[in-house]
Amino acid sequence: MKMKAFKKKHPILKGLLKKKSKKKEEIIEKVETPEIMPVTEEKADAIVLIEEKIHKARLALMEFKFDEARKVYIEIMKLYNELDIKKKSKVYQDIKDLYYERKTAEKFAK
C-alpha cells in the first residue's frame, strides 16, 4: 500500500526517469550510426598496389625495358618490407616469380 501511495504522490520522479532513458536511447542511436566512416583498408591497399606494380613490371619486361622493370621491382620491395608478416605471405610468391622472370629476361638480353 505504501508503494502505491508513493507512486501516486510523486509522478514527477517517474517522468524524470523516462526522459533520461529516452536521452540514452538517442545517444546510443547516434553512436551506432556515425556520419563519417573511418578508413580501415590501408594495408589492403598496399597489397593491391604491389600487385598493380607487379603487372607494370611484367609489361616492362615484355617490352624489353629492363631498367624500368628494375625500378618498379625496387618500389615493390620497399612496399613489401613495410608490410606485416601475414600480408607479406599473400604477395611473396608473385614477387619471387617476378624476380626470376626479370633475371631470366636480363640474362637472355645480354
Protein backbone atom coordinates (compact mmCIF):
# COMPACT_ATOMS: atom_id res chain seq x y z
CA MET A 1 0.00 0.00 0.00
CA LYS A 2 2.78 2.39 0.80
CA MET A 3 4.30 1.77 -2.62
CA LYS A 4 1.09 2.70 -4.42
CA ALA A 5 0.77 5.83 -2.35
CA PHE A 6 4.36 6.77 -3.13
CA LYS A 7 3.81 6.36 -6.87
CA LYS A 8 0.69 8.50 -6.76
CA LYS A 9 2.32 11.26 -4.72
CA HIS A 10 5.48 11.53 -6.82
CA PRO A 11 4.60 11.31 -10.53
CA ILE A 12 7.32 13.88 -11.24
CA LEU A 13 10.07 11.40 -10.35
CA LYS A 14 8.57 8.87 -12.71
CA GLY A 15 8.54 11.42 -15.55
CA LEU A 16 12.16 12.38 -14.98
CA LEU A 17 13.29 8.80 -15.21
CA LYS A 18 11.51 8.27 -18.53
CA LYS A 19 13.11 11.37 -20.04
CA LYS A 20 16.57 10.20 -19.08
CA SER A 21 16.04 6.79 -20.67
CA LYS A 22 14.89 8.41 -23.92
CA LYS A 23 18.03 10.53 -23.99
CA LYS A 24 20.17 7.44 -23.51
CA GLU A 25 18.45 5.75 -26.46
CA GLU A 26 19.04 8.79 -28.63
CA ILE A 27 22.71 8.84 -27.68
CA ILE A 28 23.06 5.14 -28.44
CA GLU A 29 21.47 5.62 -31.86
CA LYS A 30 23.87 8.44 -32.65
CA VAL A 31 26.85 6.32 -31.68
CA GLU A 32 25.72 3.34 -33.74
CA THR A 33 25.45 5.34 -36.96
CA PRO A 34 28.44 7.66 -37.37
CA GLU A 35 28.31 10.17 -40.17
CA ILE A 36 31.88 9.57 -41.35
CA MET A 37 33.25 6.06 -41.53
CA PRO A 38 36.97 5.67 -40.75
CA VAL A 39 39.27 4.21 -43.37
CA THR A 40 40.36 0.71 -42.35
CA GLU A 41 41.70 -0.73 -45.59
CA GLU A 42 45.08 0.96 -45.77
CA LYS A 43 47.02 -2.30 -45.57
CA ALA A 44 44.80 -3.98 -48.12
CA ASP A 45 45.55 -1.09 -50.48
CA ALA A 46 49.27 -1.78 -50.15
CA ILE A 47 48.73 -5.34 -51.37
CA VAL A 48 46.64 -4.14 -54.32
CA LEU A 49 49.31 -1.54 -55.11
CA ILE A 50 52.02 -4.21 -55.07
CA GLU A 51 50.01 -6.41 -57.44
CA GLU A 52 49.49 -3.48 -59.81
CA LYS A 53 53.21 -2.73 -59.79
CA ILE A 54 54.00 -6.40 -60.47
CA HIS A 55 51.77 -6.20 -63.54
CA LYS A 56 53.51 -2.97 -64.60
CA ALA A 57 56.94 -4.58 -64.20
CA ARG A 58 55.89 -7.61 -66.28
CA LEU A 59 54.66 -5.32 -69.04
CA ALA A 60 58.01 -3.51 -68.98
CA LEU A 61 59.81 -6.85 -69.28
CA MET A 62 57.69 -7.78 -72.31
CA GLU A 63 58.72 -4.53 -73.97
CA PHE A 64 62.40 -5.18 -73.09
CA LYS A 65 62.58 -2.15 -70.78
CA PHE A 66 64.80 -3.76 -68.17
CA ASP A 67 65.75 -0.56 -66.35
CA GLU A 68 62.12 0.39 -65.87
CA ALA A 69 61.27 -3.14 -64.66
CA ARG A 70 64.17 -2.96 -62.19
CA LYS A 71 62.97 0.40 -60.81
CA VAL A 72 59.42 -0.91 -60.39
CA TYR A 73 60.79 -4.03 -58.67
CA ILE A 74 62.70 -1.84 -56.19
CA GLU A 75 59.49 0.10 -55.45
CA ILE A 76 57.67 -3.20 -54.89
CA MET A 77 60.32 -4.35 -52.43
CA LYS A 78 60.07 -1.08 -50.47
CA LEU A 79 56.33 -1.56 -50.11
CA TYR A 80 56.78 -5.24 -49.31
CA ASN A 81 59.23 -4.55 -46.48
CA GLU A 82 56.71 -2.24 -44.78
CA LEU A 83 54.01 -4.95 -44.60
CA ASP A 84 53.40 -7.23 -41.65
CA ILE A 85 54.11 -10.96 -41.93
CA LYS A 86 50.55 -12.06 -42.78
CA LYS A 87 50.28 -9.53 -45.61
CA LYS A 88 53.73 -10.44 -46.92
CA SER A 89 52.68 -14.05 -47.33
CA LYS A 90 49.93 -13.01 -49.76
CA VAL A 91 52.32 -11.43 -52.28
CA TYR A 92 55.56 -13.30 -51.63
CA GLN A 93 55.18 -15.87 -54.42
CA ASP A 94 54.24 -13.23 -57.01
CA ILE A 95 57.28 -11.12 -56.12
CA LYS A 96 59.52 -14.19 -56.23
CA ASP A 97 58.17 -15.12 -59.68
CA LEU A 98 58.72 -11.56 -60.91
CA TYR A 99 62.32 -11.65 -59.67
CA TYR A 100 63.11 -14.83 -61.61
CA GLU A 101 61.32 -13.51 -64.71
CA ARG A 102 63.35 -10.32 -64.55
CA LYS A 103 66.67 -12.10 -64.04
CA THR A 104 65.96 -14.58 -66.83
CA ALA A 105 64.95 -11.81 -69.25
CA GLU A 106 68.09 -9.81 -68.42
CA LYS A 107 70.24 -12.92 -68.88
CA PHE A 108 68.86 -13.62 -72.34
CA ALA A 109 69.05 -9.97 -73.39
CA LYS A 110 72.83 -9.90 -72.93
